[in-house]
C-alpha cells in the first residue's frame, strides 16, 4: 500500500498534500515516464514549472494515469520573462495548454527578481487568474522578505504558500516566522540539499536513520513534515521515488527533530539568492 500523505489546508476549498513529486531538472524526454512512475507509486501532488520545459510530459502522464482530476494536485510556475500583467495571463494559459488541463491547483511566481521591479504586477496577475478560475490557489517562490511583504501590502492578498530553498543546513527560520504571521504555508524546494553538501552523510542524520531502519533521505523528509513544511523531493530513480514517499509514515521523536534543528548553518544556501537574482 502507498504511504498515506497528510494534507495541509491551503485554501478553504483546497488542501495540499504535504509531500509531492518535483520535476526540477528532469529532462523533457523522460518527464512522462518518471511522472507516471510517481503517480503509480502513490504521489498525488506534482510540481513543475514553465522553466523546467517538461510540462508536456507531466501532462501526458496525468492524462494516461486514469486518476480523477480532483484527486490530483498540480503546481506550475510563472517564469521571470512574463511578469507584466498581460504576459503573466498568457503564460498561465500556455502552461495549461501544455499540461492539457483546464486549471492548475497552484500557480506560483517562480522568482521575485527585484531588479526587474515587476513582482507586484506579477502578483496582481495571479490574483486575477484565481478570480477567473484558471488557478485554484496562488503563491510565490523565492521572494525575499521585503518583496513578500510589499505584495501583501499592495494588494491586501497574502500568498497561500511560499516555496523557498529549505533543508536542515538552511532552515530559513526568520522567513518561516514571517509566513506564520501572515498565514502562509512554507514549501521547501531542494529539501535534501540537492547533493551540494554532506547532509545525507551527517552523523546526526545517519544515526537517526539507523535507529529507525530508514534511509537518511527519509529522515530529512520526515523532519520537514514534522515542522509542517510542504516538501517536493525529486528523483528519477524508481526505488528512490518510492522510498521518498514512504517518508510520510516515518515519525521522528521530538528529540530527533531537535537534533536536526541544530544542523542549521549561516552559509547553508546552495541555490541562487532571491535578493540578487537578475534573470
C-alpha atoms as a PDB file:
ATOM      1  CA  UNK A   1       0.000   0.000   0.000  1.00  0.00           C
ATOM      2  CA  UNK A   2       1.305   3.503  -0.799  1.00  0.00           C
ATOM      3  CA  UNK A   3       2.134   5.723   2.141  1.00  0.00           C
ATOM      4  CA  UNK A   4      -0.613   7.974   3.451  1.00  0.00           C
ATOM      5  CA  UNK A   5       0.426  11.573   2.858  1.00  0.00           C
ATOM      6  CA  UNK A   6      -1.128  14.168   5.166  1.00  0.00           C
ATOM      7  CA  UNK A   7      -2.903  17.196   3.735  1.00  0.00           C
ATOM      8  CA  UNK A   8      -2.409  20.768   4.918  1.00  0.00           C
ATOM      9  CA  UNK A   9      -5.049  23.499   4.494  1.00  0.00           C
ATOM     10  CA  UNK A  10      -4.113  25.744   1.561  1.00  0.00           C
ATOM     11  CA  UNK A  11      -7.397  27.486   0.765  1.00  0.00           C
ATOM     12  CA  UNK A  12     -10.819  26.999   2.353  1.00  0.00           C
ATOM     13  CA  UNK A  13     -11.736  24.662  -0.514  1.00  0.00           C
ATOM     14  CA  UNK A  14      -8.411  23.029  -1.374  1.00  0.00           C
ATOM     15  CA  UNK A  15      -5.882  21.228   0.834  1.00  0.00           C
ATOM     16  CA  UNK A  16      -2.379  20.459  -0.411  1.00  0.00           C
ATOM     17  CA  UNK A  17      -0.677  17.068   0.004  1.00  0.00           C
ATOM     18  CA  UNK A  18       2.319  17.751   2.234  1.00  0.00           C
ATOM     19  CA  UNK A  19       4.680  15.501   0.269  1.00  0.00           C
ATOM     20  CA  UNK A  20       4.826  15.784  -3.511  1.00  0.00           C
ATOM     21  CA  UNK A  21       6.944  14.887  -6.521  1.00  0.00           C
ATOM     22  CA  UNK A  22       9.085  17.592  -8.107  1.00  0.00           C
ATOM     23  CA  UNK A  23      10.444  17.503 -11.645  1.00  0.00           C
ATOM     24  CA  UNK A  24      13.136  20.206 -11.489  1.00  0.00           C
ATOM     25  CA  UNK A  25      15.967  19.287 -13.894  1.00  0.00           C
ATOM     26  CA  UNK A  26      14.014  16.296 -15.211  1.00  0.00           C
ATOM     27  CA  UNK A  27      14.743  16.173 -18.932  1.00  0.00           C
ATOM     28  CA  UNK A  28      11.656  16.704 -21.110  1.00  0.00           C
ATOM     29  CA  UNK A  29      12.096  13.344 -22.833  1.00  0.00           C
ATOM     30  CA  UNK A  30      11.910  11.408 -19.539  1.00  0.00           C
ATOM     31  CA  UNK A  31       9.366  13.550 -17.683  1.00  0.00           C
ATOM     32  CA  UNK A  32       6.379  11.496 -18.807  1.00  0.00           C
ATOM     33  CA  UNK A  33       7.953   8.209 -17.717  1.00  0.00           C
ATOM     34  CA  UNK A  34       9.106   9.308 -14.269  1.00  0.00           C
ATOM     35  CA  UNK A  35       5.893  11.213 -13.551  1.00  0.00           C
ATOM     36  CA  UNK A  36       3.937   8.090 -14.428  1.00  0.00           C
ATOM     37  CA  UNK A  37       6.143   6.129 -12.034  1.00  0.00           C
ATOM     38  CA  UNK A  38       5.472   8.669  -9.292  1.00  0.00           C
ATOM     39  CA  UNK A  39       1.725   8.509  -9.831  1.00  0.00           C
ATOM     40  CA  UNK A  40       1.818   4.707  -9.809  1.00  0.00           C
ATOM     41  CA  UNK A  41       3.796   4.817  -6.552  1.00  0.00           C
ATOM     42  CA  UNK A  42       1.027   6.870  -4.949  1.00  0.00           C
ATOM     43  CA  UNK A  43       2.030  10.526  -5.320  1.00  0.00           C
ATOM     44  CA  UNK A  44      -0.901  12.841  -5.932  1.00  0.00           C
ATOM     45  CA  UNK A  45       0.955  16.153  -5.777  1.00  0.00           C
ATOM     46  CA  UNK A  46       3.088  17.119  -8.800  1.00  0.00           C
ATOM     47  CA  UNK A  47       5.286  20.215  -9.049  1.00  0.00           C
ATOM     48  CA  UNK A  48       6.554  21.534 -12.398  1.00  0.00           C
ATOM     49  CA  UNK A  49       7.258  24.938 -13.961  1.00  0.00           C
ATOM     50  CA  UNK A  50       7.441  26.687 -17.302  1.00  0.00           C
ATOM     51  CA  UNK A  51      11.216  26.951 -16.876  1.00  0.00           C
ATOM     52  CA  UNK A  52      11.603  23.190 -16.472  1.00  0.00           C
ATOM     53  CA  UNK A  53      10.419  22.642 -20.078  1.00  0.00           C
ATOM     54  CA  UNK A  54       8.676  19.414 -19.089  1.00  0.00           C
ATOM     55  CA  UNK A  55       5.057  20.443 -18.583  1.00  0.00           C
ATOM     56  CA  UNK A  56       4.018  18.469 -21.683  1.00  0.00           C
ATOM     57  CA  UNK A  57       5.492  15.239 -20.327  1.00  0.00           C
ATOM     58  CA  UNK A  58       3.873  15.763 -16.951  1.00  0.00           C
ATOM     59  CA  UNK A  59       0.570  16.413 -18.687  1.00  0.00           C
ATOM     60  CA  UNK A  60       0.804  13.243 -20.767  1.00  0.00           C
ATOM     61  CA  UNK A  61       1.465  11.198 -17.632  1.00  0.00           C
ATOM     62  CA  UNK A  62      -1.571  12.730 -15.948  1.00  0.00           C
ATOM     63  CA  UNK A  63      -3.782  12.012 -18.963  1.00  0.00           C
ATOM     64  CA  UNK A  64      -2.635   8.392 -19.147  1.00  0.00           C
ATOM     65  CA  UNK A  65      -2.891   7.739 -15.420  1.00  0.00           C
ATOM     66  CA  UNK A  66      -6.641   7.276 -15.204  1.00  0.00           C
ATOM     67  CA  UNK A  67      -6.613   9.203 -11.921  1.00  0.00           C
ATOM     68  CA  UNK A  68      -9.557  11.548 -11.455  1.00  0.00           C
ATOM     69  CA  UNK A  69      -8.544  15.177 -11.862  1.00  0.00           C
ATOM     70  CA  UNK A  70      -9.970  16.120  -8.476  1.00  0.00           C
ATOM     71  CA  UNK A  71      -7.658  13.577  -6.842  1.00  0.00           C
ATOM     72  CA  UNK A  72      -4.537  15.278  -8.204  1.00  0.00           C
ATOM     73  CA  UNK A  73      -2.813  18.431  -7.045  1.00  0.00           C
ATOM     74  CA  UNK A  74      -0.790  20.111  -9.808  1.00  0.00           C
ATOM     75  CA  UNK A  75       1.541  23.079  -9.387  1.00  0.00           C
ATOM     76  CA  UNK A  76       3.290  25.069 -12.086  1.00  0.00           C
ATOM     77  CA  UNK A  77       5.074  28.409 -12.114  1.00  0.00           C
ATOM     78  CA  UNK A  78       5.339  31.725 -13.951  1.00  0.00           C
ATOM     79  CA  UNK A  79       8.802  32.393 -15.349  1.00  0.00           C
ATOM     80  CA  UNK A  80      10.747  35.622 -14.949  1.00  0.00           C
ATOM     81  CA  UNK A  81      10.241  36.882 -18.518  1.00  0.00           C
ATOM     82  CA  UNK A  82       6.471  37.151 -18.118  1.00  0.00           C
ATOM     83  CA  UNK A  83       5.890  39.316 -15.036  1.00  0.00           C
ATOM     84  CA  UNK A  84       3.954  42.012 -16.911  1.00  0.00           C
ATOM     85  CA  UNK A  85       0.223  41.581 -16.280  1.00  0.00           C
ATOM     86  CA  UNK A  86      -0.886  40.518 -19.767  1.00  0.00           C
ATOM     87  CA  UNK A  87       2.216  38.380 -20.245  1.00  0.00           C
ATOM     88  CA  UNK A  88       1.513  36.540 -16.995  1.00  0.00           C
ATOM     89  CA  UNK A  89      -2.058  35.784 -18.031  1.00  0.00           C
ATOM     90  CA  UNK A  90      -0.872  34.443 -21.380  1.00  0.00           C
ATOM     91  CA  UNK A  91       1.904  32.412 -19.735  1.00  0.00           C
ATOM     92  CA  UNK A  92      -0.560  30.671 -17.435  1.00  0.00           C
ATOM     93  CA  UNK A  93      -2.850  29.866 -20.363  1.00  0.00           C
ATOM     94  CA  UNK A  94       0.130  28.428 -22.259  1.00  0.00           C
ATOM     95  CA  UNK A  95       1.084  26.265 -19.252  1.00  0.00           C
ATOM     96  CA  UNK A  96      -2.449  24.923 -19.064  1.00  0.00           C
ATOM     97  CA  UNK A  97      -2.318  24.038 -22.748  1.00  0.00           C
ATOM     98  CA  UNK A  98       0.984  22.223 -22.343  1.00  0.00           C
ATOM     99  CA  UNK A  99      -0.324  20.348 -19.310  1.00  0.00           C
ATOM    100  CA  UNK A 100      -3.617  19.533 -21.011  1.00  0.00           C
ATOM    101  CA  UNK A 101      -5.539  20.850 -18.010  1.00  0.00           C
ATOM    102  CA  UNK A 102      -8.404  23.276 -17.541  1.00  0.00           C
ATOM    103  CA  UNK A 103      -6.922  24.586 -14.307  1.00  0.00           C
ATOM    104  CA  UNK A 104      -3.951  24.105 -12.005  1.00  0.00           C
ATOM    105  CA  UNK A 105      -4.337  23.705  -8.284  1.00  0.00           C
ATOM    106  CA  UNK A 106      -1.477  26.078  -7.508  1.00  0.00           C
ATOM    107  CA  UNK A 107       0.276  28.731  -9.599  1.00  0.00           C
ATOM    108  CA  UNK A 108       3.422  30.402  -8.310  1.00  0.00           C
ATOM    109  CA  UNK A 109       5.524  33.379  -9.340  1.00  0.00           C
ATOM    110  CA  UNK A 110       8.806  31.498  -9.724  1.00  0.00           C
ATOM    111  CA  UNK A 111      11.199  34.286  -8.638  1.00  0.00           C
ATOM    112  CA  UNK A 112      10.630  37.844  -7.449  1.00  0.00           C
ATOM    113  CA  UNK A 113      13.642  39.194  -9.440  1.00  0.00           C
ATOM    114  CA  UNK A 114      13.606  42.515  -7.506  1.00  0.00           C
ATOM    115  CA  UNK A 115      15.803  44.243 -10.103  1.00  0.00           C
ATOM    116  CA  UNK A 116      13.030  43.954 -12.711  1.00  0.00           C
ATOM    117  CA  UNK A 117      10.576  45.777 -10.455  1.00  0.00           C
ATOM    118  CA  UNK A 118       7.560  43.813 -11.696  1.00  0.00           C
ATOM    119  CA  UNK A 119       6.954  41.423  -8.807  1.00  0.00           C
ATOM    120  CA  UNK A 120       3.854  43.327  -7.614  1.00  0.00           C
ATOM    121  CA  UNK A 121       2.384  43.360 -11.133  1.00  0.00           C
ATOM    122  CA  UNK A 122       3.015  39.624 -11.462  1.00  0.00           C
ATOM    123  CA  UNK A 123       1.224  39.030  -8.170  1.00  0.00           C
ATOM    124  CA  UNK A 124      -1.758  41.110  -9.311  1.00  0.00           C
ATOM    125  CA  UNK A 125      -1.949  38.927 -12.434  1.00  0.00           C
ATOM    126  CA  UNK A 126      -2.074  35.785 -10.302  1.00  0.00           C
ATOM    127  CA  UNK A 127      -4.895  37.269  -8.245  1.00  0.00           C
ATOM    128  CA  UNK A 128      -6.813  37.817 -11.489  1.00  0.00           C
ATOM    129  CA  UNK A 129      -6.086  34.264 -12.641  1.00  0.00           C
ATOM    130  CA  UNK A 130      -7.508  32.901  -9.418  1.00  0.00           C
ATOM    131  CA  UNK A 131     -10.581  35.112  -9.692  1.00  0.00           C
ATOM    132  CA  UNK A 132     -11.334  33.779 -13.180  1.00  0.00           C
ATOM    133  CA  UNK A 133     -10.860  30.144 -12.129  1.00  0.00           C
ATOM    134  CA  UNK A 134      -7.797  29.177 -14.155  1.00  0.00           C
ATOM    135  CA  UNK A 135      -5.938  28.501 -10.911  1.00  0.00           C
ATOM    136  CA  UNK A 136      -7.358  27.333  -7.593  1.00  0.00           C
ATOM    137  CA  UNK A 137      -4.670  28.757  -5.308  1.00  0.00           C
ATOM    138  CA  UNK A 138      -1.829  31.233  -5.786  1.00  0.00           C
ATOM    139  CA  UNK A 139       1.528  31.712  -4.163  1.00  0.00           C
ATOM    140  CA  UNK A 140       5.084  32.802  -4.745  1.00  0.00           C
ATOM    141  CA  UNK A 141       8.515  31.240  -4.817  1.00  0.00           C
ATOM    142  CA  UNK A 142      11.862  32.773  -3.915  1.00  0.00           C
ATOM    143  CA  UNK A 143      10.635  36.137  -2.633  1.00  0.00           C
ATOM    144  CA  UNK A 144      12.910  37.979  -0.203  1.00  0.00           C
ATOM    145  CA  UNK A 145      11.107  39.262   2.863  1.00  0.00           C
ATOM    146  CA  UNK A 146      10.815  42.921   1.662  1.00  0.00           C
ATOM    147  CA  UNK A 147       9.208  41.903  -1.640  1.00  0.00           C
ATOM    148  CA  UNK A 148       6.943  39.373   0.084  1.00  0.00           C
ATOM    149  CA  UNK A 149       5.650  41.982   2.482  1.00  0.00           C
ATOM    150  CA  UNK A 150       5.334  44.571  -0.302  1.00  0.00           C
ATOM    151  CA  UNK A 151       2.989  42.448  -2.440  1.00  0.00           C
ATOM    152  CA  UNK A 152       0.780  41.789   0.579  1.00  0.00           C
ATOM    153  CA  UNK A 153       0.621  45.485   1.446  1.00  0.00           C
ATOM    154  CA  UNK A 154      -0.002  46.499  -2.178  1.00  0.00           C
ATOM    155  CA  UNK A 155      -2.869  44.079  -2.799  1.00  0.00           C
ATOM    156  CA  UNK A 156      -4.211  43.008   0.573  1.00  0.00           C
ATOM    157  CA  UNK A 157      -3.784  39.406  -0.590  1.00  0.00           C
ATOM    158  CA  UNK A 158      -1.204  37.146   1.033  1.00  0.00           C
ATOM    159  CA  UNK A 159       0.182  34.184  -0.906  1.00  0.00           C
ATOM    160  CA  UNK A 160      -1.307  30.888   0.178  1.00  0.00           C
ATOM    161  CA  UNK A 161       2.179  29.380   0.115  1.00  0.00           C
ATOM    162  CA  UNK A 162       5.803  30.421  -0.365  1.00  0.00           C
ATOM    163  CA  UNK A 163       8.179  27.922  -1.965  1.00  0.00           C
ATOM    164  CA  UNK A 164      11.797  28.503  -0.917  1.00  0.00           C
ATOM    165  CA  UNK A 165      15.096  26.684  -0.674  1.00  0.00           C
ATOM    166  CA  UNK A 166      14.911  24.928   2.672  1.00  0.00           C
ATOM    167  CA  UNK A 167      16.712  21.968   4.224  1.00  0.00           C
ATOM    168  CA  UNK A 168      18.404  21.201   7.557  1.00  0.00           C
ATOM    169  CA  UNK A 169      21.550  23.133   6.570  1.00  0.00           C
ATOM    170  CA  UNK A 170      19.463  26.167   5.513  1.00  0.00           C
ATOM    171  CA  UNK A 171      16.331  26.381   7.627  1.00  0.00           C
ATOM    172  CA  UNK A 172      15.076  29.909   6.821  1.00  0.00           C
ATOM    173  CA  UNK A 173      13.729  30.422  10.331  1.00  0.00           C
ATOM    174  CA  UNK A 174      13.204  34.180  10.039  1.00  0.00           C
ATOM    175  CA  UNK A 175      11.240  33.839   6.809  1.00  0.00           C
ATOM    176  CA  UNK A 176       9.193  30.975   8.242  1.00  0.00           C
ATOM    177  CA  UNK A 177       8.228  33.246  11.136  1.00  0.00           C
ATOM    178  CA  UNK A 178       7.027  35.855   8.632  1.00  0.00           C
ATOM    179  CA  UNK A 179       4.977  33.172   6.912  1.00  0.00           C
ATOM    180  CA  UNK A 180       3.361  32.245  10.202  1.00  0.00           C
ATOM    181  CA  UNK A 181       2.450  35.869  10.879  1.00  0.00           C
ATOM    182  CA  UNK A 182       0.627  36.099   7.538  1.00  0.00           C
ATOM    183  CA  UNK A 183      -0.902  32.604   7.459  1.00  0.00           C
ATOM    184  CA  UNK A 184       1.354  31.496   4.606  1.00  0.00           C
ATOM    185  CA  UNK A 185       2.347  27.848   4.254  1.00  0.00           C
ATOM    186  CA  UNK A 186       6.048  27.135   3.768  1.00  0.00           C
ATOM    187  CA  UNK A 187       7.094  24.813   0.927  1.00  0.00           C
ATOM    188  CA  UNK A 188      10.637  23.522   0.500  1.00  0.00           C
ATOM    189  CA  UNK A 189      12.486  23.086  -2.751  1.00  0.00           C
ATOM    190  CA  UNK A 190      15.790  21.245  -2.605  1.00  0.00           C
ATOM    191  CA  UNK A 191      14.649  19.573   0.640  1.00  0.00           C
ATOM    192  CA  UNK A 192      17.517  17.059   0.519  1.00  0.00           C
ATOM    193  CA  UNK A 193      20.173  19.656  -0.233  1.00  0.00           C
ATOM    194  CA  UNK A 194      20.403  18.877  -3.984  1.00  0.00           C
ATOM    195  CA  UNK A 195      23.568  16.821  -3.444  1.00  0.00           C
ATOM    196  CA  UNK A 196      25.562  20.009  -2.829  1.00  0.00           C
ATOM    197  CA  UNK A 197      26.631  19.114   0.711  1.00  0.00           C
ATOM    198  CA  UNK A 198      27.245  16.198   3.025  1.00  0.00           C
ATOM    199  CA  UNK A 199      23.773  16.493   4.550  1.00  0.00           C
ATOM    200  CA  UNK A 200      22.817  12.857   3.924  1.00  0.00           C
ATOM    201  CA  UNK A 201      26.136  11.705   5.425  1.00  0.00           C
ATOM    202  CA  UNK A 202      25.854  13.895   8.526  1.00  0.00           C
ATOM    203  CA  UNK A 203      26.136  11.694  11.652  1.00  0.00           C
ATOM    204  CA  UNK A 204      23.045  13.271  13.217  1.00  0.00           C
ATOM    205  CA  UNK A 205      21.017  12.217  10.197  1.00  0.00           C
ATOM    206  CA  UNK A 206      22.569   8.790   9.660  1.00  0.00           C
ATOM    207  CA  UNK A 207      22.269   7.937  13.343  1.00  0.00           C
ATOM    208  CA  UNK A 208      18.549   8.642  13.330  1.00  0.00           C
ATOM    209  CA  UNK A 209      18.193   6.688  10.083  1.00  0.00           C
ATOM    210  CA  UNK A 210      19.859   3.651  11.647  1.00  0.00           C
ATOM    211  CA  UNK A 211      17.613   3.860  14.706  1.00  0.00           C
ATOM    212  CA  UNK A 212      14.504   3.742  12.515  1.00  0.00           C
ATOM    213  CA  UNK A 213      15.738   1.369   9.829  1.00  0.00           C
ATOM    214  CA  UNK A 214      15.199   4.209   7.374  1.00  0.00           C
ATOM    215  CA  UNK A 215      17.324   5.998   4.785  1.00  0.00           C
ATOM    216  CA  UNK A 216      18.946   9.372   5.533  1.00  0.00           C
ATOM    217  CA  UNK A 217      16.755  10.943   2.837  1.00  0.00           C
ATOM    218  CA  UNK A 218      13.629   9.643   4.555  1.00  0.00           C
ATOM    219  CA  UNK A 219      14.810  11.124   7.843  1.00  0.00           C
ATOM    220  CA  UNK A 220      15.368  14.552   6.287  1.00  0.00           C
ATOM    221  CA  UNK A 221      11.965  14.488   4.591  1.00  0.00           C
ATOM    222  CA  UNK A 222      10.309  13.398   7.855  1.00  0.00           C
ATOM    223  CA  UNK A 223      11.975  16.384   9.556  1.00  0.00           C
ATOM    224  CA  UNK A 224      10.319  18.715   7.037  1.00  0.00           C
ATOM    225  CA  UNK A 225       6.946  17.093   7.599  1.00  0.00           C
ATOM    226  CA  UNK A 226       7.329  17.324  11.380  1.00  0.00           C
ATOM    227  CA  UNK A 227       7.726  21.094  11.009  1.00  0.00           C
ATOM    228  CA  UNK A 228       4.576  21.415   8.886  1.00  0.00           C
ATOM    229  CA  UNK A 229       6.567  22.178   5.738  1.00  0.00           C
ATOM    230  CA  UNK A 230       5.296  21.076   2.327  1.00  0.00           C
ATOM    231  CA  UNK A 231       8.131  19.323   0.520  1.00  0.00           C
ATOM    232  CA  UNK A 232       8.708  18.154  -3.059  1.00  0.00           C
ATOM    233  CA  UNK A 233      11.692  15.824  -3.401  1.00  0.00           C
ATOM    234  CA  UNK A 234      12.872  14.953  -6.895  1.00  0.00           C
ATOM    235  CA  UNK A 235      14.322  11.684  -8.155  1.00  0.00           C
ATOM    236  CA  UNK A 236      14.311   9.811 -11.450  1.00  0.00           C
ATOM    237  CA  UNK A 237      15.302   6.530  -9.773  1.00  0.00           C
ATOM    238  CA  UNK A 238      12.230   4.295  -9.322  1.00  0.00           C
ATOM    239  CA  UNK A 239      13.331   2.893  -5.962  1.00  0.00           C
ATOM    240  CA  UNK A 240      14.013   6.355  -4.568  1.00  0.00           C
ATOM    241  CA  UNK A 241      10.699   7.680  -5.859  1.00  0.00           C
ATOM    242  CA  UNK A 242       9.009   5.016  -3.730  1.00  0.00           C
ATOM    243  CA  UNK A 243      11.418   5.483  -0.814  1.00  0.00           C
ATOM    244  CA  UNK A 244      10.809   9.230  -0.627  1.00  0.00           C
ATOM    245  CA  UNK A 245       7.049   8.780  -0.492  1.00  0.00           C
ATOM    246  CA  UNK A 246       7.410   6.301   2.378  1.00  0.00           C
ATOM    247  CA  UNK A 247       8.923   9.112   4.452  1.00  0.00           C
ATOM    248  CA  UNK A 248       5.347  10.304   5.023  1.00  0.00           C
ATOM    249  CA  UNK A 249       4.923   7.454   7.506  1.00  0.00           C
ATOM    250  CA  UNK A 250       8.217   7.958   9.363  1.00  0.00           C
ATOM    251  CA  UNK A 251       7.575   9.687  12.681  1.00  0.00           C
ATOM    252  CA  UNK A 252      10.560  11.280  14.390  1.00  0.00           C
ATOM    253  CA  UNK A 253      10.709  11.925  18.122  1.00  0.00           C
ATOM    254  CA  UNK A 254      10.866  15.485  19.428  1.00  0.00           C
ATOM    255  CA  UNK A 255      14.498  14.883  20.387  1.00  0.00           C
ATOM    256  CA  UNK A 256      15.347  13.685  16.868  1.00  0.00           C
ATOM    257  CA  UNK A 257      13.706  16.737  15.306  1.00  0.00           C
ATOM    258  CA  UNK A 258      15.627  18.962  17.716  1.00  0.00           C
ATOM    259  CA  UNK A 259      18.900  17.236  16.821  1.00  0.00           C
ATOM    260  CA  UNK A 260      18.366  18.007  13.142  1.00  0.00           C
ATOM    261  CA  UNK A 261      17.352  21.568  14.029  1.00  0.00           C
ATOM    262  CA  UNK A 262      20.886  22.003  15.351  1.00  0.00           C
ATOM    263  CA  UNK A 263      22.337  21.494  11.850  1.00  0.00           C
ATOM    264  CA  UNK A 264      21.334  24.950  10.577  1.00  0.00           C
ATOM    265  CA  UNK A 265      24.240  26.881   9.024  1.00  0.00           C
ATOM    266  CA  UNK A 266      24.607  30.584   8.186  1.00  0.00           C
ATOM    267  CA  UNK A 267      26.265  29.638   4.879  1.00  0.00           C
ATOM    268  CA  UNK A 268      23.943  26.757   4.067  1.00  0.00           C
ATOM    269  CA  UNK A 269      22.303  28.193   0.944  1.00  0.00           C
ATOM    270  CA  UNK A 270      23.013  26.049  -2.128  1.00  0.00           C
ATOM    271  CA  UNK A 271      20.957  27.818  -4.781  1.00  0.00           C
ATOM    272  CA  UNK A 272      20.702  31.387  -6.064  1.00  0.00           C
ATOM    273  CA  UNK A 273      19.966  34.219  -3.660  1.00  0.00           C
ATOM    274  CA  UNK A 274      16.476  35.587  -4.466  1.00  0.00           C
ATOM    275  CA  UNK A 275      17.553  39.087  -3.450  1.00  0.00           C
ATOM    276  CA  UNK A 276      20.216  39.296  -6.159  1.00  0.00           C
ATOM    277  CA  UNK A 277      18.909  37.037  -8.927  1.00  0.00           C
ATOM    278  CA  UNK A 278      18.631  39.108 -12.103  1.00  0.00           C
ATOM    279  CA  UNK A 279      17.139  36.763 -14.716  1.00  0.00           C
END
